[in-house]
């Protein structure tokens, strides 16, 4: 998990991580795009960074992939980072 701090440092990923943490549970790409104020084609790039860092899991449900934050790992990054993300 070390070195995952860069995954949440992008402005969009930081605000997106905060939005997802405020509304836990699985979300589709379209739901995340709406919550983050992005177009759906922009979302997968951000999701890929979070997945590579181990901060996000993906599960296929029929035609859709639902994404969920890995809150224990996100919390383990440190309270300072979490406070900055949730601010």
N, C-alpha and C. Protein backbone atom coordinates (compact mmCIF):
# COMPACT_ATOMS: atom_id res chain seq x y z
N UNK A 1 0.82 -1.19 0.00
CA UNK A 1 0.00 0.00 0.00
C UNK A 1 0.86 1.25 0.00
N UNK A 2 2.13 1.12 0.33
CA UNK A 2 2.98 2.29 0.30
C UNK A 2 3.05 2.86 -1.10
N UNK A 3 3.11 4.17 -1.18
CA UNK A 3 3.21 4.81 -2.48
C UNK A 3 1.87 5.06 -3.14
N UNK A 4 0.78 4.82 -2.43
CA UNK A 4 -0.55 5.02 -3.01
C UNK A 4 -1.05 6.44 -2.88
N UNK A 5 -0.33 7.29 -2.18
CA UNK A 5 -0.79 8.65 -1.98
C UNK A 5 -0.97 9.40 -3.27
N UNK A 6 -0.13 9.12 -4.29
CA UNK A 6 -0.27 9.82 -5.56
C UNK A 6 -1.60 9.52 -6.24
N UNK A 7 -2.23 8.41 -5.90
CA UNK A 7 -3.49 8.04 -6.55
C UNK A 7 -4.62 9.00 -6.19
N UNK A 8 -4.51 9.65 -5.06
CA UNK A 8 -5.57 10.56 -4.64
C UNK A 8 -5.16 12.01 -4.73
N UNK A 9 -4.01 12.29 -5.33
CA UNK A 9 -3.54 13.68 -5.36
C UNK A 9 -4.07 14.47 -6.54
N UNK A 10 -4.53 13.81 -7.60
CA UNK A 10 -5.12 14.55 -8.71
C UNK A 10 -6.39 15.22 -8.24
N UNK A 11 -6.64 16.44 -8.68
CA UNK A 11 -7.83 17.18 -8.22
C UNK A 11 -9.12 16.41 -8.45
N UNK A 12 -9.27 15.81 -9.62
CA UNK A 12 -10.48 15.05 -9.90
C UNK A 12 -10.55 13.80 -9.05
N UNK A 13 -9.43 13.09 -8.91
CA UNK A 13 -9.45 11.87 -8.10
C UNK A 13 -9.68 12.19 -6.64
N UNK A 14 -9.09 13.29 -6.16
CA UNK A 14 -9.29 13.65 -4.75
C UNK A 14 -10.75 13.99 -4.49
N UNK A 15 -11.34 14.80 -5.34
CA UNK A 15 -12.75 15.14 -5.13
C UNK A 15 -13.63 13.94 -5.39
N UNK A 16 -13.25 13.12 -6.36
CA UNK A 16 -14.02 11.91 -6.63
C UNK A 16 -13.94 10.91 -5.50
N UNK A 17 -12.76 10.77 -4.91
CA UNK A 17 -12.59 9.88 -3.77
C UNK A 17 -13.43 10.37 -2.60
N UNK A 18 -13.44 11.67 -2.38
CA UNK A 18 -14.26 12.23 -1.30
C UNK A 18 -15.74 11.98 -1.56
N UNK A 19 -16.18 12.17 -2.79
CA UNK A 19 -17.59 11.94 -3.13
C UNK A 19 -17.96 10.48 -2.94
N UNK A 20 -17.08 9.58 -3.37
CA UNK A 20 -17.36 8.16 -3.23
C UNK A 20 -17.35 7.75 -1.76
N UNK A 21 -16.46 8.33 -0.96
CA UNK A 21 -16.42 8.02 0.47
C UNK A 21 -17.67 8.52 1.17
N UNK A 22 -18.20 9.64 0.72
CA UNK A 22 -19.41 10.19 1.32
C UNK A 22 -20.64 9.37 0.96
N UNK A 23 -20.59 8.65 -0.15
CA UNK A 23 -21.70 7.81 -0.60
C UNK A 23 -21.17 6.42 -0.90
N UNK A 24 -20.83 5.66 0.18
CA UNK A 24 -20.22 4.35 -0.04
C UNK A 24 -21.18 3.41 -0.76
N UNK A 25 -20.62 2.41 -1.32
CA UNK A 25 -21.42 1.44 -2.04
C UNK A 25 -20.98 1.39 -3.47
N UNK A 26 -21.36 0.36 -4.17
CA UNK A 26 -20.94 0.25 -5.57
C UNK A 26 -21.59 1.30 -6.46
N UNK A 27 -20.81 1.83 -7.40
CA UNK A 27 -21.29 2.84 -8.34
C UNK A 27 -20.85 2.48 -9.75
N UNK A 28 -21.69 2.76 -10.71
CA UNK A 28 -21.32 2.56 -12.12
C UNK A 28 -20.49 3.75 -12.59
N UNK A 29 -19.88 3.58 -13.75
CA UNK A 29 -19.11 4.68 -14.35
C UNK A 29 -20.00 5.90 -14.57
N UNK A 30 -21.22 5.67 -15.05
CA UNK A 30 -22.15 6.78 -15.28
C UNK A 30 -22.51 7.52 -14.00
N UNK A 31 -22.74 6.77 -12.93
CA UNK A 31 -23.05 7.40 -11.64
C UNK A 31 -21.87 8.23 -11.14
N UNK A 32 -20.66 7.68 -11.30
CA UNK A 32 -19.47 8.42 -10.87
C UNK A 32 -19.24 9.65 -11.73
N UNK A 33 -19.47 9.53 -13.03
CA UNK A 33 -19.32 10.68 -13.92
C UNK A 33 -20.25 11.80 -13.48
N UNK A 34 -21.48 11.47 -13.17
CA UNK A 34 -22.45 12.48 -12.72
C UNK A 34 -22.00 13.10 -11.41
N UNK A 35 -21.59 12.27 -10.45
CA UNK A 35 -21.18 12.77 -9.14
C UNK A 35 -19.93 13.64 -9.23
N UNK A 36 -19.01 13.30 -10.16
CA UNK A 36 -17.74 14.01 -10.29
C UNK A 36 -17.82 15.16 -11.27
N UNK A 37 -18.93 15.31 -11.97
CA UNK A 37 -19.06 16.38 -12.95
C UNK A 37 -18.20 16.16 -14.18
N UNK A 38 -18.02 14.91 -14.58
CA UNK A 38 -17.21 14.56 -15.74
C UNK A 38 -18.09 13.90 -16.79
N UNK A 39 -17.57 13.83 -18.01
CA UNK A 39 -18.27 13.04 -19.03
C UNK A 39 -17.89 11.59 -18.80
N UNK A 40 -18.78 10.65 -19.10
CA UNK A 40 -18.47 9.23 -18.88
C UNK A 40 -17.16 8.75 -19.48
N UNK A 41 -16.73 9.23 -20.67
CA UNK A 41 -15.45 8.75 -21.20
C UNK A 41 -14.23 9.20 -20.37
N UNK A 42 -14.35 10.21 -19.55
CA UNK A 42 -13.22 10.68 -18.73
C UNK A 42 -13.00 9.84 -17.48
N UNK A 43 -14.02 9.15 -17.02
CA UNK A 43 -13.98 8.47 -15.72
C UNK A 43 -13.02 7.27 -15.69
N UNK A 44 -12.98 6.40 -16.70
CA UNK A 44 -12.13 5.21 -16.59
C UNK A 44 -10.65 5.50 -16.33
N UNK A 45 -10.13 6.58 -16.85
CA UNK A 45 -8.72 6.93 -16.59
C UNK A 45 -8.49 7.14 -15.09
N UNK A 46 -9.40 7.82 -14.44
CA UNK A 46 -9.27 8.07 -13.00
C UNK A 46 -9.49 6.77 -12.21
N UNK A 47 -10.44 5.99 -12.64
CA UNK A 47 -10.70 4.72 -11.97
C UNK A 47 -9.49 3.79 -12.07
N UNK A 48 -8.82 3.78 -13.21
CA UNK A 48 -7.65 2.92 -13.40
C UNK A 48 -6.55 3.27 -12.42
N UNK A 49 -6.32 4.55 -12.17
CA UNK A 49 -5.29 4.96 -11.22
C UNK A 49 -5.65 4.49 -9.81
N UNK A 50 -6.90 4.68 -9.43
CA UNK A 50 -7.34 4.25 -8.10
C UNK A 50 -7.29 2.73 -7.96
N UNK A 51 -7.64 2.00 -9.01
CA UNK A 51 -7.57 0.53 -8.97
C UNK A 51 -6.13 0.06 -8.84
N UNK A 52 -5.22 0.65 -9.63
CA UNK A 52 -3.81 0.24 -9.56
C UNK A 52 -3.24 0.48 -8.17
N UNK A 53 -3.72 1.50 -7.49
CA UNK A 53 -3.24 1.80 -6.14
C UNK A 53 -3.90 0.92 -5.08
N UNK A 54 -4.87 0.09 -5.49
CA UNK A 54 -5.55 -0.79 -4.54
C UNK A 54 -6.61 -0.08 -3.73
N UNK A 55 -7.02 1.11 -4.17
CA UNK A 55 -8.00 1.89 -3.42
C UNK A 55 -9.42 1.69 -3.93
N UNK A 56 -9.59 0.88 -4.95
CA UNK A 56 -10.89 0.72 -5.59
C UNK A 56 -11.01 -0.72 -6.06
N UNK A 57 -12.19 -1.31 -5.88
CA UNK A 57 -12.46 -2.64 -6.42
C UNK A 57 -13.55 -2.52 -7.46
N UNK A 58 -13.54 -3.44 -8.39
CA UNK A 58 -14.53 -3.46 -9.47
C UNK A 58 -15.16 -4.84 -9.54
N UNK A 59 -16.47 -4.87 -9.69
CA UNK A 59 -17.20 -6.13 -9.83
C UNK A 59 -18.19 -5.98 -10.97
N UNK A 60 -18.18 -6.96 -11.86
CA UNK A 60 -19.11 -6.95 -12.98
C UNK A 60 -20.46 -7.47 -12.52
N UNK A 61 -21.52 -6.74 -12.91
CA UNK A 61 -22.91 -7.12 -12.66
C UNK A 61 -23.64 -7.02 -13.99
N UNK A 62 -23.70 -8.13 -14.70
CA UNK A 62 -24.33 -8.11 -16.02
C UNK A 62 -23.55 -7.22 -16.98
N UNK A 63 -24.23 -6.23 -17.54
CA UNK A 63 -23.58 -5.30 -18.48
C UNK A 63 -22.74 -4.24 -17.79
N UNK A 64 -22.89 -4.09 -16.51
CA UNK A 64 -22.27 -2.98 -15.79
C UNK A 64 -21.12 -3.46 -14.90
N UNK A 65 -20.18 -2.55 -14.70
CA UNK A 65 -19.12 -2.76 -13.70
C UNK A 65 -19.42 -1.77 -12.59
N UNK A 66 -19.43 -2.27 -11.36
CA UNK A 66 -19.70 -1.41 -10.21
C UNK A 66 -18.41 -1.27 -9.41
N UNK A 67 -18.09 -0.03 -9.06
CA UNK A 67 -16.84 0.30 -8.37
C UNK A 67 -17.13 0.68 -6.93
N UNK A 68 -16.25 0.20 -6.04
CA UNK A 68 -16.39 0.48 -4.61
C UNK A 68 -15.03 0.88 -4.06
N UNK A 69 -14.99 1.94 -3.27
CA UNK A 69 -13.74 2.33 -2.60
C UNK A 69 -13.36 1.29 -1.58
N UNK A 70 -12.07 1.05 -1.46
CA UNK A 70 -11.54 0.18 -0.43
C UNK A 70 -11.23 1.07 0.77
N UNK A 71 -12.25 1.33 1.57
CA UNK A 71 -12.11 2.29 2.67
C UNK A 71 -11.05 1.91 3.70
N UNK A 72 -10.89 0.62 4.07
CA UNK A 72 -9.81 0.31 5.02
C UNK A 72 -8.43 0.71 4.50
N UNK A 73 -8.15 0.44 3.22
CA UNK A 73 -6.85 0.83 2.67
C UNK A 73 -6.73 2.34 2.53
N UNK A 74 -7.82 3.00 2.15
CA UNK A 74 -7.80 4.45 2.05
C UNK A 74 -7.54 5.07 3.42
N UNK A 75 -8.20 4.53 4.43
CA UNK A 75 -8.02 5.02 5.80
C UNK A 75 -6.59 4.78 6.27
N UNK A 76 -6.01 3.66 5.87
CA UNK A 76 -4.65 3.32 6.30
C UNK A 76 -3.62 4.27 5.72
N UNK A 77 -3.96 5.00 4.67
CA UNK A 77 -3.00 5.96 4.12
C UNK A 77 -2.67 7.06 5.10
N UNK A 78 -3.52 7.24 6.05
CA UNK A 78 -3.23 8.24 7.09
C UNK A 78 -4.37 9.21 7.26
N UNK A 79 -4.57 9.63 8.46
CA UNK A 79 -5.66 10.54 8.76
C UNK A 79 -5.47 11.90 8.12
N UNK A 80 -4.23 12.34 7.95
CA UNK A 80 -3.98 13.63 7.31
C UNK A 80 -4.44 13.63 5.86
N UNK A 81 -4.08 12.57 5.13
CA UNK A 81 -4.50 12.49 3.74
C UNK A 81 -6.02 12.35 3.64
N UNK A 82 -6.58 11.51 4.48
CA UNK A 82 -8.03 11.32 4.47
C UNK A 82 -8.74 12.63 4.78
N UNK A 83 -8.24 13.39 5.74
CA UNK A 83 -8.86 14.68 6.06
C UNK A 83 -8.76 15.64 4.87
N UNK A 84 -7.64 15.62 4.17
CA UNK A 84 -7.49 16.49 3.00
C UNK A 84 -8.44 16.08 1.89
N UNK A 85 -8.61 14.79 1.69
CA UNK A 85 -9.50 14.29 0.64
C UNK A 85 -10.95 14.59 0.97
N UNK A 86 -11.33 14.43 2.20
CA UNK A 86 -12.73 14.62 2.60
C UNK A 86 -13.08 16.08 2.85
N UNK A 87 -12.12 16.98 2.82
CA UNK A 87 -12.36 18.40 3.04
C UNK A 87 -13.18 19.00 1.95
